């Protein structure tokens, strides 16, 4: 299980910093949703992702946050909003 801190993911830059750190993404990670989709597609494991303070995350990130959830879903990763 991977736990993401929704409070620390306000805005695209901070969101991708949190994703890179918590998901162990490679140095060449492009800090965008297309790059995330590519990296997740290369992973064999499909872990559960928990987003703590999800209400704050969705408020801060809006449509971009919803698109992030779609990328996880497209790659078979279950997300729990806490």
PDB file of N, CA and C in Angstrom:
ATOM      1  N   UNK A   1       0.841  -1.173   0.000  1.00  0.00           N
ATOM      2  CA  UNK A   1       0.000   0.000   0.000  1.00  0.00           C
ATOM      3  C   UNK A   1       0.891   1.243   0.000  1.00  0.00           C
ATOM      4  N   UNK A   2       0.495   2.210  -0.811  1.00  0.00           N
ATOM      5  CA  UNK A   2       1.209   3.477  -0.903  1.00  0.00           C
ATOM      6  C   UNK A   2       0.284   4.563  -0.377  1.00  0.00           C
ATOM      7  N   UNK A   3       0.768   5.353   0.576  1.00  0.00           N
ATOM      8  CA  UNK A   3      -0.032   6.415   1.173  1.00  0.00           C
ATOM      9  C   UNK A   3       0.496   7.760   0.680  1.00  0.00           C
ATOM     10  N   UNK A   4      -0.397   8.519   0.039  1.00  0.00           N
ATOM     11  CA  UNK A   4      -0.057   9.859  -0.438  1.00  0.00           C
ATOM     12  C   UNK A   4      -0.714  10.882   0.474  1.00  0.00           C
ATOM     13  N   UNK A   5      -0.018  11.956   0.749  1.00  0.00           N
ATOM     14  CA  UNK A   5      -0.514  13.017   1.620  1.00  0.00           C
ATOM     15  C   UNK A   5      -1.204  14.079   0.769  1.00  0.00           C
ATOM     16  N   UNK A   6      -2.531  14.083   0.798  1.00  0.00           N
ATOM     17  CA  UNK A   6      -3.298  15.032   0.005  1.00  0.00           C
ATOM     18  C   UNK A   6      -2.998  16.485   0.337  1.00  0.00           C
ATOM     19  N   UNK A   7      -2.597  16.761   1.569  1.00  0.00           N
ATOM     20  CA  UNK A   7      -2.260  18.133   1.965  1.00  0.00           C
ATOM     21  C   UNK A   7      -0.995  18.626   1.272  1.00  0.00           C
ATOM     22  N   UNK A   8      -0.099  17.712   0.955  1.00  0.00           N
ATOM     23  CA  UNK A   8       1.168  18.131   0.352  1.00  0.00           C
ATOM     24  C   UNK A   8       1.115  18.099  -1.174  1.00  0.00           C
ATOM     25  N   UNK A   9      -0.054  17.809  -1.747  1.00  0.00           N
ATOM     26  CA  UNK A   9      -0.147  17.710  -3.205  1.00  0.00           C
ATOM     27  C   UNK A   9      -0.945  18.853  -3.815  1.00  0.00           C
ATOM     28  N   UNK A  10      -0.900  20.030  -3.185  1.00  0.00           N
ATOM     29  CA  UNK A  10      -1.598  21.189  -3.719  1.00  0.00           C
ATOM     30  C   UNK A  10      -0.841  21.778  -4.899  1.00  0.00           C
ATOM     31  N   UNK A  11      -1.394  21.684  -6.064  1.00  0.00           N
ATOM     32  CA  UNK A  11      -0.752  22.188  -7.276  1.00  0.00           C
ATOM     33  C   UNK A  11       0.052  21.108  -7.964  1.00  0.00           C
ATOM     34  N   UNK A  12       0.283  21.320  -9.250  1.00  0.00           N
ATOM     35  CA  UNK A  12       0.927  20.297 -10.080  1.00  0.00           C
ATOM     36  C   UNK A  12       2.358  19.981  -9.653  1.00  0.00           C
ATOM     37  N   UNK A  13       3.135  20.996  -9.318  1.00  0.00           N
ATOM     38  CA  UNK A  13       4.539  20.765  -8.962  1.00  0.00           C
ATOM     39  C   UNK A  13       4.628  19.914  -7.705  1.00  0.00           C
ATOM     40  N   UNK A  14       3.913  20.311  -6.674  1.00  0.00           N
ATOM     41  CA  UNK A  14       3.952  19.562  -5.410  1.00  0.00           C
ATOM     42  C   UNK A  14       3.347  18.174  -5.567  1.00  0.00           C
ATOM     43  N   UNK A  15       2.311  18.052  -6.389  1.00  0.00           N
ATOM     44  CA  UNK A  15       1.691  16.749  -6.648  1.00  0.00           C
ATOM     45  C   UNK A  15       2.708  15.779  -7.238  1.00  0.00           C
ATOM     46  N   UNK A  16       3.430  16.236  -8.249  1.00  0.00           N
ATOM     47  CA  UNK A  16       4.395  15.348  -8.899  1.00  0.00           C
ATOM     48  C   UNK A  16       5.615  15.065  -8.024  1.00  0.00           C
ATOM     49  N   UNK A  17       5.989  16.012  -7.178  1.00  0.00           N
ATOM     50  CA  UNK A  17       7.073  15.737  -6.220  1.00  0.00           C
ATOM     51  C   UNK A  17       6.662  14.615  -5.271  1.00  0.00           C
ATOM     52  N   UNK A  18       5.420  14.679  -4.774  1.00  0.00           N
ATOM     53  CA  UNK A  18       4.919  13.640  -3.859  1.00  0.00           C
ATOM     54  C   UNK A  18       4.829  12.290  -4.577  1.00  0.00           C
ATOM     55  N   UNK A  19       4.325  12.292  -5.801  1.00  0.00           N
ATOM     56  CA  UNK A  19       4.222  11.047  -6.566  1.00  0.00           C
ATOM     57  C   UNK A  19       5.594  10.433  -6.801  1.00  0.00           C
ATOM     58  N   UNK A  20       6.549  11.261  -7.203  1.00  0.00           N
ATOM     59  CA  UNK A  20       7.893  10.751  -7.488  1.00  0.00           C
ATOM     60  C   UNK A  20       8.511  10.128  -6.243  1.00  0.00           C
ATOM     61  N   UNK A  21       8.368  10.807  -5.129  1.00  0.00           N
ATOM     62  CA  UNK A  21       8.966  10.309  -3.882  1.00  0.00           C
ATOM     63  C   UNK A  21       8.265   9.037  -3.398  1.00  0.00           C
ATOM     64  N   UNK A  22       6.957   9.054  -3.312  1.00  0.00           N
ATOM     65  CA  UNK A  22       6.226   7.937  -2.723  1.00  0.00           C
ATOM     66  C   UNK A  22       6.117   6.723  -3.651  1.00  0.00           C
ATOM     67  N   UNK A  23       6.076   6.965  -4.966  1.00  0.00           N
ATOM     68  CA  UNK A  23       5.982   5.842  -5.901  1.00  0.00           C
ATOM     69  C   UNK A  23       7.349   5.351  -6.362  1.00  0.00           C
ATOM     70  N   UNK A  24       8.402   6.051  -5.963  1.00  0.00           N
ATOM     71  CA  UNK A  24       9.749   5.653  -6.370  1.00  0.00           C
ATOM     72  C   UNK A  24       9.944   5.754  -7.873  1.00  0.00           C
ATOM     73  N   UNK A  25       9.464   6.851  -8.453  1.00  0.00           N
ATOM     74  CA  UNK A  25       9.566   7.022  -9.902  1.00  0.00           C
ATOM     75  C   UNK A  25      11.004   7.360 -10.286  1.00  0.00           C
ATOM     76  N   UNK A  26      11.408   7.024 -11.493  1.00  0.00           N
ATOM     77  CA  UNK A  26      12.802   7.221 -11.912  1.00  0.00           C
ATOM     78  C   UNK A  26      13.170   8.698 -12.060  1.00  0.00           C
ATOM     79  N   UNK A  27      14.471   8.966 -12.096  1.00  0.00           N
ATOM     80  CA  UNK A  27      14.975  10.335 -12.230  1.00  0.00           C
ATOM     81  C   UNK A  27      14.480  11.004 -13.511  1.00  0.00           C
ATOM     82  N   UNK A  28      14.259  10.223 -14.548  1.00  0.00           N
ATOM     83  CA  UNK A  28      13.831  10.794 -15.827  1.00  0.00           C
ATOM     84  C   UNK A  28      12.321  11.058 -15.891  1.00  0.00           C
ATOM     85  N   UNK A  29      11.614  10.819 -14.796  1.00  0.00           N
ATOM     86  CA  UNK A  29      10.175  11.059 -14.737  1.00  0.00           C
ATOM     87  C   UNK A  29       9.879  12.493 -15.163  1.00  0.00           C
ATOM     88  N   UNK A  30       8.933  12.658 -16.076  1.00  0.00           N
ATOM     89  CA  UNK A  30       8.667  13.949 -16.698  1.00  0.00           C
ATOM     90  C   UNK A  30       7.737  14.891 -15.961  1.00  0.00           C
ATOM     91  N   UNK A  31       7.292  14.531 -14.759  1.00  0.00           N
ATOM     92  CA  UNK A  31       6.457  15.418 -13.944  1.00  0.00           C
ATOM     93  C   UNK A  31       5.185  15.881 -14.647  1.00  0.00           C
ATOM     94  N   UNK A  32       4.525  14.951 -15.306  1.00  0.00           N
ATOM     95  CA  UNK A  32       3.219  15.221 -15.901  1.00  0.00           C
ATOM     96  C   UNK A  32       2.441  13.910 -15.946  1.00  0.00           C
ATOM     97  N   UNK A  33       1.158  13.991 -16.242  1.00  0.00           N
ATOM     98  CA  UNK A  33       0.316  12.792 -16.194  1.00  0.00           C
ATOM     99  C   UNK A  33       0.641  11.794 -17.303  1.00  0.00           C
ATOM    100  N   UNK A  34       1.093  12.259 -18.453  1.00  0.00           N
ATOM    101  CA  UNK A  34       1.502  11.325 -19.508  1.00  0.00           C
ATOM    102  C   UNK A  34       2.716  10.515 -19.070  1.00  0.00           C
ATOM    103  N   UNK A  35       3.673  11.186 -18.442  1.00  0.00           N
ATOM    104  CA  UNK A  35       4.859  10.486 -17.944  1.00  0.00           C
ATOM    105  C   UNK A  35       4.482   9.508 -16.836  1.00  0.00           C
ATOM    106  N   UNK A  36       3.555   9.916 -15.963  1.00  0.00           N
ATOM    107  CA  UNK A  36       3.102   9.021 -14.909  1.00  0.00           C
ATOM    108  C   UNK A  36       2.448   7.785 -15.509  1.00  0.00           C
ATOM    109  N   UNK A  37       1.603   7.983 -16.503  1.00  0.00           N
ATOM    110  CA  UNK A  37       0.960   6.856 -17.177  1.00  0.00           C
ATOM    111  C   UNK A  37       2.001   5.902 -17.762  1.00  0.00           C
ATOM    112  N   UNK A  38       3.020   6.444 -18.391  1.00  0.00           N
ATOM    113  CA  UNK A  38       4.092   5.607 -18.959  1.00  0.00           C
ATOM    114  C   UNK A  38       4.809   4.818 -17.867  1.00  0.00           C
ATOM    115  N   UNK A  39       5.160   5.489 -16.766  1.00  0.00           N
ATOM    116  CA  UNK A  39       5.886   4.819 -15.686  1.00  0.00           C
ATOM    117  C   UNK A  39       5.025   3.745 -15.022  1.00  0.00           C
ATOM    118  N   UNK A  40       3.759   4.052 -14.800  1.00  0.00           N
ATOM    119  CA  UNK A  40       2.879   3.066 -14.169  1.00  0.00           C
ATOM    120  C   UNK A  40       2.650   1.871 -15.087  1.00  0.00           C
ATOM    121  N   UNK A  41       2.616   2.109 -16.383  1.00  0.00           N
ATOM    122  CA  UNK A  41       2.427   1.027 -17.341  1.00  0.00           C
ATOM    123  C   UNK A  41       3.586   0.044 -17.357  1.00  0.00           C
ATOM    124  N   UNK A  42       4.759   0.495 -16.931  1.00  0.00           N
ATOM    125  CA  UNK A  42       5.951  -0.351 -16.894  1.00  0.00           C
ATOM    126  C   UNK A  42       6.052  -1.173 -15.614  1.00  0.00           C
ATOM    127  N   UNK A  43       5.229  -0.855 -14.625  1.00  0.00           N
ATOM    128  CA  UNK A  43       5.293  -1.537 -13.331  1.00  0.00           C
ATOM    129  C   UNK A  43       4.498  -2.830 -13.374  1.00  0.00           C
ATOM    130  N   UNK A  44       5.044  -3.864 -12.782  1.00  0.00           N
ATOM    131  CA  UNK A  44       4.355  -5.157 -12.715  1.00  0.00           C
ATOM    132  C   UNK A  44       3.352  -5.186 -11.570  1.00  0.00           C
ATOM    133  N   UNK A  45       3.705  -4.560 -10.448  1.00  0.00           N
ATOM    134  CA  UNK A  45       2.825  -4.600  -9.282  1.00  0.00           C
ATOM    135  C   UNK A  45       1.750  -3.524  -9.383  1.00  0.00           C
ATOM    136  N   UNK A  46       0.589  -3.861  -8.882  1.00  0.00           N
ATOM    137  CA  UNK A  46      -0.554  -2.944  -8.874  1.00  0.00           C
ATOM    138  C   UNK A  46      -0.983  -2.749  -7.434  1.00  0.00           C
ATOM    139  N   UNK A  47      -0.319  -1.844  -6.747  1.00  0.00           N
ATOM    140  CA  UNK A  47      -0.565  -1.628  -5.331  1.00  0.00           C
ATOM    141  C   UNK A  47      -1.785  -0.747  -5.108  1.00  0.00           C
ATOM    142  N   UNK A  48      -2.315  -0.815  -3.909  1.00  0.00           N
ATOM    143  CA  UNK A  48      -3.377   0.074  -3.483  1.00  0.00           C
ATOM    144  C   UNK A  48      -2.754   1.423  -3.142  1.00  0.00           C
ATOM    145  N   UNK A  49      -3.381   2.499  -3.591  1.00  0.00           N
ATOM    146  CA  UNK A  49      -2.941   3.851  -3.262  1.00  0.00           C
ATOM    147  C   UNK A  49      -4.009   4.484  -2.382  1.00  0.00           C
ATOM    148  N   UNK A  50      -3.584   5.002  -1.248  1.00  0.00           N
ATOM    149  CA  UNK A  50      -4.480   5.718  -0.336  1.00  0.00           C
ATOM    150  C   UNK A  50      -4.088   7.187  -0.381  1.00  0.00           C
ATOM    151  N   UNK A  51      -5.066   8.045  -0.629  1.00  0.00           N
ATOM    152  CA  UNK A  51      -4.818   9.485  -0.593  1.00  0.00           C
ATOM    153  C   UNK A  51      -5.475  10.030   0.662  1.00  0.00           C
ATOM    154  N   UNK A  52      -4.628  10.387   1.624  1.00  0.00           N
ATOM    155  CA  UNK A  52      -5.121  10.975   2.863  1.00  0.00           C
ATOM    156  C   UNK A  52      -5.497  12.430   2.608  1.00  0.00           C
ATOM    157  N   UNK A  53      -6.460  12.927   3.356  1.00  0.00           N
ATOM    158  CA  UNK A  53      -6.954  14.294   3.176  1.00  0.00           C
ATOM    159  C   UNK A  53      -7.369  14.523   1.727  1.00  0.00           C
ATOM    160  N   UNK A  54      -8.122  13.566   1.204  1.00  0.00           N
ATOM    161  CA  UNK A  54      -8.515  13.582  -0.205  1.00  0.00           C
ATOM    162  C   UNK A  54      -9.386  14.783  -0.546  1.00  0.00           C
ATOM    163  N   UNK A  55     -10.220  15.227   0.374  1.00  0.00           N
ATOM    164  CA  UNK A  55     -11.055  16.389   0.108  1.00  0.00           C
ATOM    165  C   UNK A  55     -10.221  17.620  -0.187  1.00  0.00           C
ATOM    166  N   UNK A  56      -9.198  17.828   0.610  1.00  0.00           N
ATOM    167  CA  UNK A  56      -8.298  18.966   0.399  1.00  0.00           C
ATOM    168  C   UNK A  56      -7.536  18.807  -0.912  1.00  0.00           C
ATOM    169  N   UNK A  57      -7.077  17.586  -1.195  1.00  0.00           N
ATOM    170  CA  UNK A  57      -6.382  17.301  -2.445  1.00  0.00           C
ATOM    171  C   UNK A  57      -7.259  17.639  -3.645  1.00  0.00           C
ATOM    172  N   UNK A  58      -8.500  17.161  -3.638  1.00  0.00           N
ATOM    173  CA  UNK A  58      -9.387  17.393  -4.775  1.00  0.00           C
ATOM    174  C   UNK A  58      -9.761  18.867  -4.897  1.00  0.00           C
ATOM    175  N   UNK A  59      -9.891  19.554  -3.776  1.00  0.00           N
ATOM    176  CA  UNK A  59     -10.179  20.986  -3.817  1.00  0.00           C
ATOM    177  C   UNK A  59      -9.009  21.760  -4.410  1.00  0.00           C
ATOM    178  N   UNK A  60      -7.799  21.428  -3.990  1.00  0.00           N
ATOM    179  CA  UNK A  60      -6.606  22.132  -4.473  1.00  0.00           C
ATOM    180  C   UNK A  60      -6.284  21.818  -5.932  1.00  0.00           C
ATOM    181  N   UNK A  61      -6.461  20.559  -6.329  1.00  0.00           N
ATOM    182  CA  UNK A  61      -6.028  20.125  -7.659  1.00  0.00           C
ATOM    183  C   UNK A  61      -7.153  20.102  -8.691  1.00  0.00           C
ATOM    184  N   UNK A  62      -8.387  20.094  -8.251  1.00  0.00           N
ATOM    185  CA  UNK A  62      -9.526  20.176  -9.156  1.00  0.00           C
ATOM    186  C   UNK A  62      -9.513  19.126 -10.258  1.00  0.00           C
ATOM    187  N   UNK A  63      -9.709  19.580 -11.483  1.00  0.00           N
ATOM    188  CA  UNK A  63      -9.782  18.702 -12.653  1.00  0.00           C
ATOM    189  C   UNK A  63      -8.499  17.884 -12.820  1.00  0.00           C
ATOM    190  N   UNK A  64      -7.364  18.492 -12.529  1.00  0.00           N
ATOM    191  CA  UNK A  64      -6.091  17.784 -12.661  1.00  0.00           C
ATOM    192  C   UNK A  64      -6.044  16.601 -11.698  1.00  0.00           C
ATOM    193  N   UNK A  65      -6.563  16.793 -10.501  1.00  0.00           N
ATOM    194  CA  UNK A  65      -6.629  15.708  -9.527  1.00  0.00           C
ATOM    195  C   UNK A  65      -7.517  14.572 -10.000  1.00  0.00           C
ATOM    196  N   UNK A  66      -8.629  14.923 -10.619  1.00  0.00           N
ATOM    197  CA  UNK A  66      -9.518  13.893 -11.176  1.00  0.00           C
ATOM    198  C   UNK A  66      -8.836  13.138 -12.311  1.00  0.00           C
ATOM    199  N   UNK A  67      -8.073  13.846 -13.102  1.00  0.00           N
ATOM    200  CA  UNK A  67      -7.325  13.182 -14.189  1.00  0.00           C
ATOM    201  C   UNK A  67      -6.266  12.241 -13.623  1.00  0.00           C
ATOM    202  N   UNK A  68      -5.640  12.630 -12.490  1.00  0.00           N
ATOM    203  CA  UNK A  68      -4.676  11.749 -11.825  1.00  0.00           C
ATOM    204  C   UNK A  68      -5.356  10.449 -11.411  1.00  0.00           C
ATOM    205  N   UNK A  69      -6.535  10.552 -10.824  1.00  0.00           N
ATOM    206  CA  UNK A  69      -7.267   9.354 -10.411  1.00  0.00           C
ATOM    207  C   UNK A  69      -7.576   8.470 -11.619  1.00  0.00           C
ATOM    208  N   UNK A  70      -7.867   9.080 -12.756  1.00  0.00           N
ATOM    209  CA  UNK A  70      -8.137   8.321 -13.977  1.00  0.00           C
ATOM    210  C   UNK A  70      -6.886   7.574 -14.447  1.00  0.00           C
ATOM    211  N   UNK A  71      -5.726   8.216 -14.356  1.00  0.00           N
ATOM    212  CA  UNK A  71      -4.467   7.559 -14.747  1.00  0.00           C
ATOM    213  C   UNK A  71      -4.224   6.338 -13.868  1.00  0.00           C
ATOM    214  N   UNK A  72      -4.438   6.482 -12.570  1.00  0.00           N
ATOM    215  CA  UNK A  72      -4.298   5.323 -11.692  1.00  0.00           C
ATOM    216  C   UNK A  72      -5.253   4.218 -12.124  1.00  0.00           C
ATOM    217  N   UNK A  73      -6.511   4.551 -12.333  1.00  0.00           N
ATOM    218  CA  UNK A  73      -7.505   3.560 -12.742  1.00  0.00           C
ATOM    219  C   UNK A  73      -7.173   2.899 -14.058  1.00  0.00           C
ATOM    220  N   UNK A  74      -6.691   3.679 -15.011  1.00  0.00           N
ATOM    221  CA  UNK A  74      -6.324   3.135 -16.321  1.00  0.00           C
ATOM    222  C   UNK A  74      -5.198   2.115 -16.224  1.00  0.00           C
ATOM    223  N   UNK A  75      -4.414   2.219 -15.156  1.00  0.00           N
ATOM    224  CA  UNK A  75      -3.293   1.297 -14.961  1.00  0.00           C
ATOM    225  C   UNK A  75      -3.592   0.224 -13.927  1.00  0.00           C
ATOM    226  N   UNK A  76      -4.863   0.039 -13.622  1.00  0.00           N
ATOM    227  CA  UNK A  76      -5.262  -1.030 -12.715  1.00  0.00           C
ATOM    228  C   UNK A  76      -4.912  -0.818 -11.274  1.00  0.00           C
ATOM    229  N   UNK A  77      -4.709   0.442 -10.886  1.00  0.00           N
ATOM    230  CA  UNK A  77      -4.342   0.755  -9.504  1.00  0.00           C
ATOM    231  C   UNK A  77      -5.590   1.254  -8.786  1.00  0.00           C
ATOM    232  N   UNK A  78      -5.941   0.587  -7.719  1.00  0.00           N
ATOM    233  CA  UNK A  78      -7.095   0.967  -6.916  1.00  0.00           C
ATOM    234  C   UNK A  78      -6.707   2.106  -6.005  1.00  0.00           C
ATOM    235  N   UNK A  79      -7.570   3.124  -5.914  1.00  0.00           N
ATOM    236  CA  UNK A  79      -7.312   4.282  -5.076  1.00  0.00           C
ATOM    237  C   UNK A  79      -8.397   4.386  -4.013  1.00  0.00           C
ATOM    238  N   UNK A  80      -7.968   4.572  -2.780  1.00  0.00           N
ATOM    239  CA  UNK A  80      -8.879   4.795  -1.673  1.00  0.00           C
ATOM    240  C   UNK A  80      -8.722   6.247  -1.243  1.00  0.00           C
ATOM    241  N   UNK A  81      -9.816   7.009  -1.263  1.00  0.00           N
ATOM    242  CA  UNK A  81      -9.797   8.398  -0.826  1.00  0.00           C
ATOM    243  C   UNK A  81     -10.179   8.438   0.645  1.00  0.00           C
ATOM    244  N   UNK A  82      -9.270   8.965   1.446  1.00  0.00           N
ATOM    245  CA  UNK A  82      -9.472   8.973   2.892  1.00  0.00           C
ATOM    246  C   UNK A  82      -9.649  10.391   3.378  1.00  0.00           C
TER     247      UNK A  82
END
